[in-house]
Amino acid sequence: MKKVLFATVAAALLAVSLPADQKIAQRKENQQDRIAQGVKSGQLTAGETARLETREARVNKEIRRDRAANGGKLTGAEKAQVNHQQNKMSRSIYKDKHNSAVQ
C-alpha cells in the first residue's frame, strides 16, 4: 500500500512540473503500464485489454491528427479534450481491473 501511495504522489508531483505536452505523453505511458500490469496479474481479460487498447489507439490517432493540423502543437481546447479522454480511460482501466472478471 505504501508503494502505491508513493508512486501516486510521485506521479502527481511529476505531472505538476511538466509542460502540457509532456504531461499527455507521461500519462499515456502510465496508463499503458497500468494496462500491462493488469494483463500480467490477470486482472484484465483479453476482451477488456483489447477494448482499452483500441480506445487508447483512437485517442493517440486524434492527438496526431490535431498536431498535424496545428503545426505540431495542440491548442488549449485540444489539450483539455485529451485530458478529459485520458480521465475517462483512467476510470475505465480502474473499473476493468477491479471488476470480478479475471483471466
PDB file of N, CA and C in Angstrom:
ATOM      1  N   MET A   1       0.817  -1.187   0.000  1.00  0.00           N
ATOM      2  CA  MET A   1       0.000   0.000   0.000  1.00  0.00           C
ATOM      3  C   MET A   1       0.864   1.256   0.000  1.00  0.00           C
ATOM      4  N   LYS A   2       1.959   1.225   0.760  1.00  0.00           N
ATOM      5  CA  LYS A   2       2.845   2.381   0.810  1.00  0.00           C
ATOM      6  C   LYS A   2       3.487   2.637  -0.552  1.00  0.00           C
ATOM      7  N   LYS A   3       3.805   1.555  -1.275  1.00  0.00           N
ATOM      8  CA  LYS A   3       4.403   1.710  -2.601  1.00  0.00           C
ATOM      9  C   LYS A   3       3.433   2.385  -3.555  1.00  0.00           C
ATOM     10  N   VAL A   4       2.168   1.990  -3.487  1.00  0.00           N
ATOM     11  CA  VAL A   4       1.147   2.572  -4.358  1.00  0.00           C
ATOM     12  C   VAL A   4       0.974   4.047  -4.035  1.00  0.00           C
ATOM     13  N   LEU A   5       0.906   4.381  -2.756  1.00  0.00           N
ATOM     14  CA  LEU A   5       0.755   5.771  -2.338  1.00  0.00           C
ATOM     15  C   LEU A   5       1.954   6.593  -2.782  1.00  0.00           C
ATOM     16  N   PHE A   6       3.154   6.056  -2.586  1.00  0.00           N
ATOM     17  CA  PHE A   6       4.362   6.764  -3.005  1.00  0.00           C
ATOM     18  C   PHE A   6       4.377   6.986  -4.510  1.00  0.00           C
ATOM     19  N   ALA A   7       4.020   5.960  -5.275  1.00  0.00           N
ATOM     20  CA  ALA A   7       4.002   6.078  -6.732  1.00  0.00           C
ATOM     21  C   ALA A   7       2.976   7.107  -7.174  1.00  0.00           C
ATOM     22  N   THR A   8       1.834   7.145  -6.517  1.00  0.00           N
ATOM     23  CA  THR A   8       0.793   8.106  -6.859  1.00  0.00           C
ATOM     24  C   THR A   8       1.254   9.533  -6.582  1.00  0.00           C
ATOM     25  N   VAL A   9       1.859   9.746  -5.428  1.00  0.00           N
ATOM     26  CA  VAL A   9       2.361  11.078  -5.074  1.00  0.00           C
ATOM     27  C   VAL A   9       3.478  11.490  -6.033  1.00  0.00           C
ATOM     28  N   ALA A  10       4.376  10.577  -6.345  1.00  0.00           N
ATOM     29  CA  ALA A  10       5.467  10.886  -7.264  1.00  0.00           C
ATOM     30  C   ALA A  10       4.934  11.245  -8.644  1.00  0.00           C
ATOM     31  N   ALA A  11       3.948  10.504  -9.122  1.00  0.00           N
ATOM     32  CA  ALA A  11       3.358  10.796 -10.430  1.00  0.00           C
ATOM     33  C   ALA A  11       2.656  12.148 -10.419  1.00  0.00           C
ATOM     34  N   ALA A  12       1.980  12.468  -9.334  1.00  0.00           N
ATOM     35  CA  ALA A  12       1.294  13.762  -9.230  1.00  0.00           C
ATOM     36  C   ALA A  12       2.297  14.913  -9.237  1.00  0.00           C
ATOM     37  N   LEU A  13       3.394  14.765  -8.504  1.00  0.00           N
ATOM     38  CA  LEU A  13       4.413  15.811  -8.495  1.00  0.00           C
ATOM     39  C   LEU A  13       5.057  15.968  -9.858  1.00  0.00           C
ATOM     40  N   LEU A  14       5.286  14.867 -10.534  1.00  0.00           N
ATOM     41  CA  LEU A  14       5.860  14.915 -11.868  1.00  0.00           C
ATOM     42  C   LEU A  14       4.904  15.609 -12.831  1.00  0.00           C
ATOM     43  N   ALA A  15       3.633  15.303 -12.738  1.00  0.00           N
ATOM     44  CA  ALA A  15       2.631  15.894 -13.628  1.00  0.00           C
ATOM     45  C   ALA A  15       2.539  17.397 -13.446  1.00  0.00           C
ATOM     46  N   VAL A  16       2.702  17.888 -12.225  1.00  0.00           N
ATOM     47  CA  VAL A  16       2.616  19.318 -11.958  1.00  0.00           C
ATOM     48  C   VAL A  16       3.799  20.052 -12.572  1.00  0.00           C
ATOM     49  N   SER A  17       4.952  19.416 -12.612  1.00  0.00           N
ATOM     50  CA  SER A  17       6.163  20.089 -13.068  1.00  0.00           C
ATOM     51  C   SER A  17       6.404  19.988 -14.578  1.00  0.00           C
ATOM     52  N   LEU A  18       5.627  19.211 -15.291  1.00  0.00           N
ATOM     53  CA  LEU A  18       5.845  19.025 -16.720  1.00  0.00           C
ATOM     54  C   LEU A  18       4.975  19.960 -17.555  1.00  0.00           C
ATOM     55  N   PRO A  19       5.471  20.380 -18.739  1.00  0.00           N
ATOM     56  CA  PRO A  19       4.616  21.117 -19.668  1.00  0.00           C
ATOM     57  C   PRO A  19       3.476  20.211 -20.154  1.00  0.00           C
ATOM     58  N   ALA A  20       2.441  20.825 -20.694  1.00  0.00           N
ATOM     59  CA  ALA A  20       1.221  20.091 -21.061  1.00  0.00           C
ATOM     60  C   ALA A  20       1.488  18.923 -22.012  1.00  0.00           C
ATOM     61  N   ASP A  21       2.308  19.120 -23.041  1.00  0.00           N
ATOM     62  CA  ASP A  21       2.558  18.035 -23.998  1.00  0.00           C
ATOM     63  C   ASP A  21       3.281  16.865 -23.338  1.00  0.00           C
ATOM     64  N   GLN A  22       4.184  17.162 -22.426  1.00  0.00           N
ATOM     65  CA  GLN A  22       4.878  16.089 -21.721  1.00  0.00           C
ATOM     66  C   GLN A  22       3.949  15.395 -20.732  1.00  0.00           C
ATOM     67  N   LYS A  23       3.000  16.142 -20.157  1.00  0.00           N
ATOM     68  CA  LYS A  23       2.022  15.531 -19.251  1.00  0.00           C
ATOM     69  C   LYS A  23       1.186  14.508 -20.002  1.00  0.00           C
ATOM     70  N   ILE A  24       0.798  14.857 -21.221  1.00  0.00           N
ATOM     71  CA  ILE A  24      -0.003  13.945 -22.040  1.00  0.00           C
ATOM     72  C   ILE A  24       0.783  12.672 -22.303  1.00  0.00           C
ATOM     73  N   ALA A  25       2.042  12.827 -22.699  1.00  0.00           N
ATOM     74  CA  ALA A  25       2.879  11.666 -23.008  1.00  0.00           C
ATOM     75  C   ALA A  25       3.139  10.824 -21.765  1.00  0.00           C
ATOM     76  N   GLN A  26       3.399  11.471 -20.638  1.00  0.00           N
ATOM     77  CA  GLN A  26       3.672  10.740 -19.390  1.00  0.00           C
ATOM     78  C   GLN A  26       2.432   9.984 -18.940  1.00  0.00           C
ATOM     79  N   ARG A  27       1.297  10.632 -19.063  1.00  0.00           N
ATOM     80  CA  ARG A  27       0.056   9.984 -18.648  1.00  0.00           C
ATOM     81  C   ARG A  27      -0.263   8.792 -19.544  1.00  0.00           C
ATOM     82  N   LYS A  28      -0.013   8.954 -20.834  1.00  0.00           N
ATOM     83  CA  LYS A  28      -0.220   7.854 -21.780  1.00  0.00           C
ATOM     84  C   LYS A  28       0.658   6.664 -21.387  1.00  0.00           C
ATOM     85  N   GLU A  29       1.900   6.936 -21.067  1.00  0.00           N
ATOM     86  CA  GLU A  29       2.826   5.877 -20.658  1.00  0.00           C
ATOM     87  C   GLU A  29       2.368   5.215 -19.355  1.00  0.00           C
ATOM     88  N   ASN A  30       1.926   6.020 -18.394  1.00  0.00           N
ATOM     89  CA  ASN A  30       1.448   5.474 -17.119  1.00  0.00           C
ATOM     90  C   ASN A  30       0.241   4.565 -17.328  1.00  0.00           C
ATOM     91  N   GLN A  31      -0.664   4.985 -18.197  1.00  0.00           N
ATOM     92  CA  GLN A  31      -1.850   4.175 -18.441  1.00  0.00           C
ATOM     93  C   GLN A  31      -1.502   2.879 -19.162  1.00  0.00           C
ATOM     94  N   GLN A  32      -0.546   2.932 -20.076  1.00  0.00           N
ATOM     95  CA  GLN A  32      -0.091   1.710 -20.738  1.00  0.00           C
ATOM     96  C   GLN A  32       0.530   0.757 -19.719  1.00  0.00           C
ATOM     97  N   ASP A  33       1.288   1.320 -18.786  1.00  0.00           N
ATOM     98  CA  ASP A  33       1.890   0.495 -17.727  1.00  0.00           C
ATOM     99  C   ASP A  33       0.809  -0.151 -16.856  1.00  0.00           C
ATOM    100  N   ARG A  34      -0.249   0.595 -16.558  1.00  0.00           N
ATOM    101  CA  ARG A  34      -1.340   0.062 -15.742  1.00  0.00           C
ATOM    102  C   ARG A  34      -2.049  -1.075 -16.483  1.00  0.00           C
ATOM    103  N   ILE A  35      -2.237  -0.913 -17.779  1.00  0.00           N
ATOM    104  CA  ILE A  35      -2.872  -1.976 -18.575  1.00  0.00           C
ATOM    105  C   ILE A  35      -1.980  -3.208 -18.584  1.00  0.00           C
ATOM    106  N   ALA A  36      -0.691  -3.013 -18.827  1.00  0.00           N
ATOM    107  CA  ALA A  36       0.252  -4.138 -18.865  1.00  0.00           C
ATOM    108  C   ALA A  36       0.284  -4.863 -17.521  1.00  0.00           C
ATOM    109  N   GLN A  37       0.254  -4.118 -16.434  1.00  0.00           N
ATOM    110  CA  GLN A  37       0.250  -4.735 -15.104  1.00  0.00           C
ATOM    111  C   GLN A  37      -1.029  -5.522 -14.889  1.00  0.00           C
ATOM    112  N   GLY A  38      -2.157  -5.007 -15.389  1.00  0.00           N
ATOM    113  CA  GLY A  38      -3.429  -5.714 -15.263  1.00  0.00           C
ATOM    114  C   GLY A  38      -3.434  -7.022 -16.036  1.00  0.00           C
ATOM    115  N   VAL A  39      -2.813  -7.024 -17.203  1.00  0.00           N
ATOM    116  CA  VAL A  39      -2.702  -8.245 -18.000  1.00  0.00           C
ATOM    117  C   VAL A  39      -1.822  -9.248 -17.267  1.00  0.00           C
ATOM    118  N   LYS A  40      -0.678  -8.770 -16.786  1.00  0.00           N
ATOM    119  CA  LYS A  40       0.276  -9.647 -16.102  1.00  0.00           C
ATOM    120  C   LYS A  40      -0.329 -10.284 -14.852  1.00  0.00           C
ATOM    121  N   SER A  41      -1.106  -9.510 -14.106  1.00  0.00           N
ATOM    122  CA  SER A  41      -1.684 -10.016 -12.860  1.00  0.00           C
ATOM    123  C   SER A  41      -2.965 -10.813 -13.087  1.00  0.00           C
ATOM    124  N   GLY A  42      -3.507 -10.762 -14.302  1.00  0.00           N
ATOM    125  CA  GLY A  42      -4.747 -11.471 -14.594  1.00  0.00           C
ATOM    126  C   GLY A  42      -5.998 -10.675 -14.246  1.00  0.00           C
ATOM    127  N   GLN A  43      -5.829  -9.412 -13.852  1.00  0.00           N
ATOM    128  CA  GLN A  43      -6.971  -8.571 -13.519  1.00  0.00           C
ATOM    129  C   GLN A  43      -7.751  -8.137 -14.750  1.00  0.00           C
ATOM    130  N   LEU A  44      -7.090  -8.113 -15.897  1.00  0.00           N
ATOM    131  CA  LEU A  44      -7.754  -7.730 -17.145  1.00  0.00           C
ATOM    132  C   LEU A  44      -7.900  -8.955 -18.037  1.00  0.00           C
ATOM    133  N   THR A  45      -9.085  -9.126 -18.581  1.00  0.00           N
ATOM    134  CA  THR A  45      -9.306 -10.212 -19.529  1.00  0.00           C
ATOM    135  C   THR A  45      -8.803  -9.771 -20.903  1.00  0.00           C
ATOM    136  N   ALA A  46      -8.747 -10.708 -21.826  1.00  0.00           N
ATOM    137  CA  ALA A  46      -8.305 -10.380 -23.184  1.00  0.00           C
ATOM    138  C   ALA A  46      -9.244  -9.371 -23.831  1.00  0.00           C
ATOM    139  N   GLY A  47     -10.534  -9.527 -23.627  1.00  0.00           N
ATOM    140  CA  GLY A  47     -11.503  -8.603 -24.204  1.00  0.00           C
ATOM    141  C   GLY A  47     -11.384  -7.202 -23.632  1.00  0.00           C
ATOM    142  N   GLU A  48     -11.201  -7.118 -22.306  1.00  0.00           N
ATOM    143  CA  GLU A  48     -11.038  -5.807 -21.664  1.00  0.00           C
ATOM    144  C   GLU A  48      -9.772  -5.126 -22.175  1.00  0.00           C
ATOM    145  N   THR A  49      -8.713  -5.912 -22.284  1.00  0.00           N
ATOM    146  CA  THR A  49      -7.446  -5.364 -22.760  1.00  0.00           C
ATOM    147  C   THR A  49      -7.581  -4.853 -24.184  1.00  0.00           C
ATOM    148  N   ALA A  50      -8.201  -5.632 -25.047  1.00  0.00           N
ATOM    149  CA  ALA A  50      -8.377  -5.225 -26.441  1.00  0.00           C
ATOM    150  C   ALA A  50      -9.195  -3.944 -26.533  1.00  0.00           C
ATOM    151  N   ARG A  51     -10.257  -3.851 -25.741  1.00  0.00           N
ATOM    152  CA  ARG A  51     -11.098  -2.657 -25.767  1.00  0.00           C
ATOM    153  C   ARG A  51     -10.328  -1.429 -25.283  1.00  0.00           C
ATOM    154  N   LEU A  52      -9.574  -1.586 -24.205  1.00  0.00           N
ATOM    155  CA  LEU A  52      -8.781  -0.466 -23.692  1.00  0.00           C
ATOM    156  C   LEU A  52      -7.719  -0.031 -24.694  1.00  0.00           C
ATOM    157  N   GLU A  53      -7.052  -0.990 -25.295  1.00  0.00           N
ATOM    158  CA  GLU A  53      -6.009  -0.672 -26.276  1.00  0.00           C
ATOM    159  C   GLU A  53      -6.596   0.024 -27.511  1.00  0.00           C
ATOM    160  N   THR A  54      -7.780  -0.404 -27.940  1.00  0.00           N
ATOM    161  CA  THR A  54      -8.436   0.221 -29.085  1.00  0.00           C
ATOM    162  C   THR A  54      -8.776   1.671 -28.773  1.00  0.00           C
ATOM    163  N   ARG A  55      -9.321   1.902 -27.585  1.00  0.00           N
ATOM    164  CA  ARG A  55      -9.660   3.272 -27.183  1.00  0.00           C
ATOM    165  C   ARG A  55      -8.409   4.139 -27.071  1.00  0.00           C
ATOM    166  N   GLU A  56      -7.350   3.575 -26.520  1.00  0.00           N
ATOM    167  CA  GLU A  56      -6.094   4.310 -26.388  1.00  0.00           C
ATOM    168  C   GLU A  56      -5.539   4.667 -27.770  1.00  0.00           C
ATOM    169  N   ALA A  57      -5.601   3.733 -28.704  1.00  0.00           N
ATOM    170  CA  ALA A  57      -5.120   3.984 -30.067  1.00  0.00           C
ATOM    171  C   ALA A  57      -5.940   5.090 -30.734  1.00  0.00           C
ATOM    172  N   ARG A  58      -7.239   5.110 -30.469  1.00  0.00           N
ATOM    173  CA  ARG A  58      -8.112   6.143 -31.048  1.00  0.00           C
ATOM    174  C   ARG A  58      -7.721   7.526 -30.529  1.00  0.00           C
ATOM    175  N   VAL A  59      -7.451   7.631 -29.240  1.00  0.00           N
ATOM    176  CA  VAL A  59      -7.032   8.912 -28.656  1.00  0.00           C
ATOM    177  C   VAL A  59      -5.683   9.329 -29.237  1.00  0.00           C
ATOM    178  N   ASN A  60      -4.755   8.395 -29.355  1.00  0.00           N
ATOM    179  CA  ASN A  60      -3.434   8.706 -29.913  1.00  0.00           C
ATOM    180  C   ASN A  60      -3.537   9.183 -31.353  1.00  0.00           C
ATOM    181  N   LYS A  61      -4.413   8.559 -32.120  1.00  0.00           N
ATOM    182  CA  LYS A  61      -4.607   8.963 -33.516  1.00  0.00           C
ATOM    183  C   LYS A  61      -5.172  10.379 -33.579  1.00  0.00           C
ATOM    184  N   GLU A  62      -6.100  10.676 -32.693  1.00  0.00           N
ATOM    185  CA  GLU A  62      -6.683  12.012 -32.655  1.00  0.00           C
ATOM    186  C   GLU A  62      -5.629  13.059 -32.293  1.00  0.00           C
ATOM    187  N   ILE A  63      -4.754  12.735 -31.347  1.00  0.00           N
ATOM    188  CA  ILE A  63      -3.676  13.652 -30.968  1.00  0.00           C
ATOM    189  C   ILE A  63      -2.766  13.919 -32.160  1.00  0.00           C
ATOM    190  N   ARG A  64      -2.378  12.854 -32.861  1.00  0.00           N
ATOM    191  CA  ARG A  64      -1.510  13.020 -34.042  1.00  0.00           C
ATOM    192  C   ARG A  64      -2.186  13.880 -35.095  1.00  0.00           C
ATOM    193  N   ARG A  65      -3.465  13.646 -35.324  1.00  0.00           N
ATOM    194  CA  ARG A  65      -4.225  14.406 -36.331  1.00  0.00           C
ATOM    195  C   ARG A  65      -4.316  15.884 -35.929  1.00  0.00           C
ATOM    196  N   ASP A  66      -4.597  16.153 -34.661  1.00  0.00           N
ATOM    197  CA  ASP A  66      -4.688  17.533 -34.185  1.00  0.00           C
ATOM    198  C   ASP A  66      -3.346  18.246 -34.286  1.00  0.00           C
ATOM    199  N   ARG A  67      -2.285  17.553 -33.930  1.00  0.00           N
ATOM    200  CA  ARG A  67      -0.953  18.171 -34.038  1.00  0.00           C
ATOM    201  C   ARG A  67      -0.590  18.463 -35.488  1.00  0.00           C
ATOM    202  N   ALA A  68      -0.920  17.552 -36.365  1.00  0.00           N
ATOM    203  CA  ALA A  68      -0.619  17.762 -37.782  1.00  0.00           C
ATOM    204  C   ALA A  68      -1.380  18.973 -38.322  1.00  0.00           C
ATOM    205  N   ALA A  69      -2.571  19.190 -37.827  1.00  0.00           N
ATOM    206  CA  ALA A  69      -3.388  20.312 -38.292  1.00  0.00           C
ATOM    207  C   ALA A  69      -2.923  21.647 -37.714  1.00  0.00           C
ATOM    208  N   ASN A  70      -2.139  21.618 -36.639  1.00  0.00           N
ATOM    209  CA  ASN A  70      -1.732  22.857 -35.959  1.00  0.00           C
ATOM    210  C   ASN A  70      -0.227  23.038 -35.890  1.00  0.00           C
ATOM    211  N   GLY A  71       0.485  22.544 -36.851  1.00  0.00           N
ATOM    212  CA  GLY A  71       1.926  22.751 -36.882  1.00  0.00           C
ATOM    213  C   GLY A  71       2.687  22.065 -35.764  1.00  0.00           C
ATOM    214  N   GLY A  72       2.204  20.911 -35.330  1.00  0.00           N
ATOM    215  CA  GLY A  72       2.918  20.135 -34.324  1.00  0.00           C
ATOM    216  C   GLY A  72       2.531  20.435 -32.887  1.00  0.00           C
ATOM    217  N   LYS A  73       1.586  21.333 -32.687  1.00  0.00           N
ATOM    218  CA  LYS A  73       1.172  21.694 -31.324  1.00  0.00           C
ATOM    219  C   LYS A  73      -0.317  21.440 -31.145  1.00  0.00           C
ATOM    220  N   LEU A  74      -0.717  21.296 -29.887  1.00  0.00           N
ATOM    221  CA  LEU A  74      -2.129  21.173 -29.553  1.00  0.00           C
ATOM    222  C   LEU A  74      -2.626  22.511 -29.025  1.00  0.00           C
ATOM    223  N   THR A  75      -3.844  22.878 -29.397  1.00  0.00           N
ATOM    224  CA  THR A  75      -4.442  24.095 -28.855  1.00  0.00           C
ATOM    225  C   THR A  75      -4.878  23.827 -27.422  1.00  0.00           C
ATOM    226  N   GLY A  76      -5.211  24.877 -26.713  1.00  0.00           N
ATOM    227  CA  GLY A  76      -5.680  24.730 -25.338  1.00  0.00           C
ATOM    228  C   GLY A  76      -6.931  23.862 -25.258  1.00  0.00           C
ATOM    229  N   ALA A  77      -7.847  24.063 -26.192  1.00  0.00           N
ATOM    230  CA  ALA A  77      -9.079  23.269 -26.211  1.00  0.00           C
ATOM    231  C   ALA A  77      -8.773  21.802 -26.487  1.00  0.00           C
ATOM    232  N   GLU A  78      -7.822  21.551 -27.385  1.00  0.00           N
ATOM    233  CA  GLU A  78      -7.454  20.169 -27.700  1.00  0.00           C
ATOM    234  C   GLU A  78      -6.776  19.500 -26.495  1.00  0.00           C
ATOM    235  N   LYS A  79      -5.945  20.247 -25.781  1.00  0.00           N
ATOM    236  CA  LYS A  79      -5.310  19.703 -24.581  1.00  0.00           C
ATOM    237  C   LYS A  79      -6.356  19.346 -23.532  1.00  0.00           C
ATOM    238  N   ALA A  80      -7.350  20.224 -23.381  1.00  0.00           N
ATOM    239  CA  ALA A  80      -8.424  19.951 -22.421  1.00  0.00           C
ATOM    240  C   ALA A  80      -9.212  18.714 -22.833  1.00  0.00           C
ATOM    241  N   GLN A  81      -9.461  18.567 -24.132  1.00  0.00           N
ATOM    242  CA  GLN A  81     -10.193  17.408 -24.626  1.00  0.00           C
ATOM    243  C   GLN A  81      -9.393  16.126 -24.386  1.00  0.00           C
ATOM    244  N   VAL A  82      -8.101  16.158 -24.663  1.00  0.00           N
ATOM    245  CA  VAL A  82      -7.247  14.990 -24.440  1.00  0.00           C
ATOM    246  C   VAL A  82      -7.226  14.639 -22.956  1.00  0.00           C
ATOM    247  N   ASN A  83      -7.139  15.653 -22.096  1.00  0.00           N
ATOM    248  CA  ASN A  83      -7.151  15.410 -20.656  1.00  0.00           C
ATOM    249  C   ASN A  83      -8.455  14.725 -20.241  1.00  0.00           C
ATOM    250  N   HIS A  84      -9.558  15.192 -20.778  1.00  0.00           N
ATOM    251  CA  HIS A  84     -10.858  14.589 -20.480  1.00  0.00           C
ATOM    252  C   HIS A  84     -10.888  13.120 -20.943  1.00  0.00           C
ATOM    253  N   GLN A  85     -10.383  12.867 -22.147  1.00  0.00           N
ATOM    254  CA  GLN A  85     -10.354  11.499 -22.672  1.00  0.00           C
ATOM    255  C   GLN A  85      -9.448  10.612 -21.826  1.00  0.00           C
ATOM    256  N   GLN A  86      -8.318  11.153 -21.392  1.00  0.00           N
ATOM    257  CA  GLN A  86      -7.413  10.370 -20.556  1.00  0.00           C
ATOM    258  C   GLN A  86      -8.033  10.101 -19.182  1.00  0.00           C
ATOM    259  N   ASN A  87      -8.799  11.049 -18.665  1.00  0.00           N
ATOM    260  CA  ASN A  87      -9.512  10.812 -17.408  1.00  0.00           C
ATOM    261  C   ASN A  87     -10.494   9.652 -17.565  1.00  0.00           C
ATOM    262  N   LYS A  88     -11.228   9.644 -18.665  1.00  0.00           N
ATOM    263  CA  LYS A  88     -12.185   8.564 -18.917  1.00  0.00           C
ATOM    264  C   LYS A  88     -11.463   7.227 -19.062  1.00  0.00           C
ATOM    265  N   MET A  89     -10.333   7.230 -19.760  1.00  0.00           N
ATOM    266  CA  MET A  89      -9.547   6.000 -19.918  1.00  0.00           C
ATOM    267  C   MET A  89      -9.068   5.499 -18.565  1.00  0.00           C
ATOM    268  N   SER A  90      -8.609   6.409 -17.731  1.00  0.00           N
ATOM    269  CA  SER A  90      -8.112   6.024 -16.414  1.00  0.00           C
ATOM    270  C   SER A  90      -9.220   5.368 -15.592  1.00  0.00           C
ATOM    271  N   ARG A  91     -10.407   5.943 -15.632  1.00  0.00           N
ATOM    272  CA  ARG A  91     -11.530   5.352 -14.903  1.00  0.00           C
ATOM    273  C   ARG A  91     -11.879   3.981 -15.465  1.00  0.00           C
ATOM    274  N   SER A  92     -11.828   3.844 -16.781  1.00  0.00           N
ATOM    275  CA  SER A  92     -12.125   2.550 -17.409  1.00  0.00           C
ATOM    276  C   SER A  92     -11.101   1.492 -17.012  1.00  0.00           C
ATOM    277  N   ILE A  93      -9.843   1.871 -16.993  1.00  0.00           N
ATOM    278  CA  ILE A  93      -8.799   0.936 -16.581  1.00  0.00           C
ATOM    279  C   ILE A  93      -9.057   0.481 -15.151  1.00  0.00           C
ATOM    280  N   TYR A  94      -9.342   1.431 -14.279  1.00  0.00           N
ATOM    281  CA  TYR A  94      -9.608   1.087 -12.880  1.00  0.00           C
ATOM    282  C   TYR A  94     -10.798   0.147 -12.762  1.00  0.00           C
ATOM    283  N   LYS A  95     -11.905   0.491 -13.420  1.00  0.00           N
ATOM    284  CA  LYS A  95     -13.115  -0.331 -13.329  1.00  0.00           C
ATOM    285  C   LYS A  95     -12.867  -1.739 -13.860  1.00  0.00           C
ATOM    286  N   ASP A  96     -12.179  -1.835 -14.990  1.00  0.00           N
ATOM    287  CA  ASP A  96     -11.917  -3.148 -15.567  1.00  0.00           C
ATOM    288  C   ASP A  96     -10.983  -3.977 -14.685  1.00  0.00           C
ATOM    289  N   LYS A  97     -10.016  -3.329 -14.078  1.00  0.00           N
ATOM    290  CA  LYS A  97      -9.084  -4.065 -13.220  1.00  0.00           C
ATOM    291  C   LYS A  97      -9.733  -4.508 -11.918  1.00  0.00           C
ATOM    292  N   HIS A  98     -10.769  -3.817 -11.489  1.00  0.00           N
ATOM    293  CA  HIS A  98     -11.371  -4.107 -10.191  1.00  0.00           C
ATOM    294  C   HIS A  98     -12.751  -4.751 -10.278  1.00  0.00           C
ATOM    295  N   ASN A  99     -13.132  -5.193 -11.467  1.00  0.00           N
ATOM    296  CA  ASN A  99     -14.392  -5.938 -11.556  1.00  0.00           C
ATOM    297  C   ASN A  99     -14.126  -7.410 -11.247  1.00  0.00           C
ATOM    298  N   SER A 100     -15.142  -8.215 -11.304  1.00  0.00           N
ATOM    299  CA  SER A 100     -14.981  -9.611 -10.915  1.00  0.00           C
ATOM    300  C   SER A 100     -14.410 -10.496 -12.029  1.00  0.00           C
ATOM    301  N   ALA A 101     -14.296  -9.963 -13.236  1.00  0.00           N
ATOM    302  CA  ALA A 101     -13.761 -10.751 -14.350  1.00  0.00           C
ATOM    303  C   ALA A 101     -12.252 -10.888 -14.197  1.00  0.00           C
ATOM    304  N   VAL A 102     -11.789 -12.121 -14.306  1.00  0.00           N
ATOM    305  CA  VAL A 102     -10.345 -12.388 -14.245  1.00  0.00           C
ATOM    306  C   VAL A 102      -9.975 -13.333 -15.378  1.00  0.00           C
ATOM    307  N   GLN A 103      -8.716 -13.313 -15.706  1.00  0.00           N
ATOM    308  CA  GLN A 103      -8.229 -14.160 -16.796  1.00  0.00           C
ATOM    309  C   GLN A 103      -7.695 -15.448 -16.247  1.00  0.00           C
TER     310      GLN A 103
END
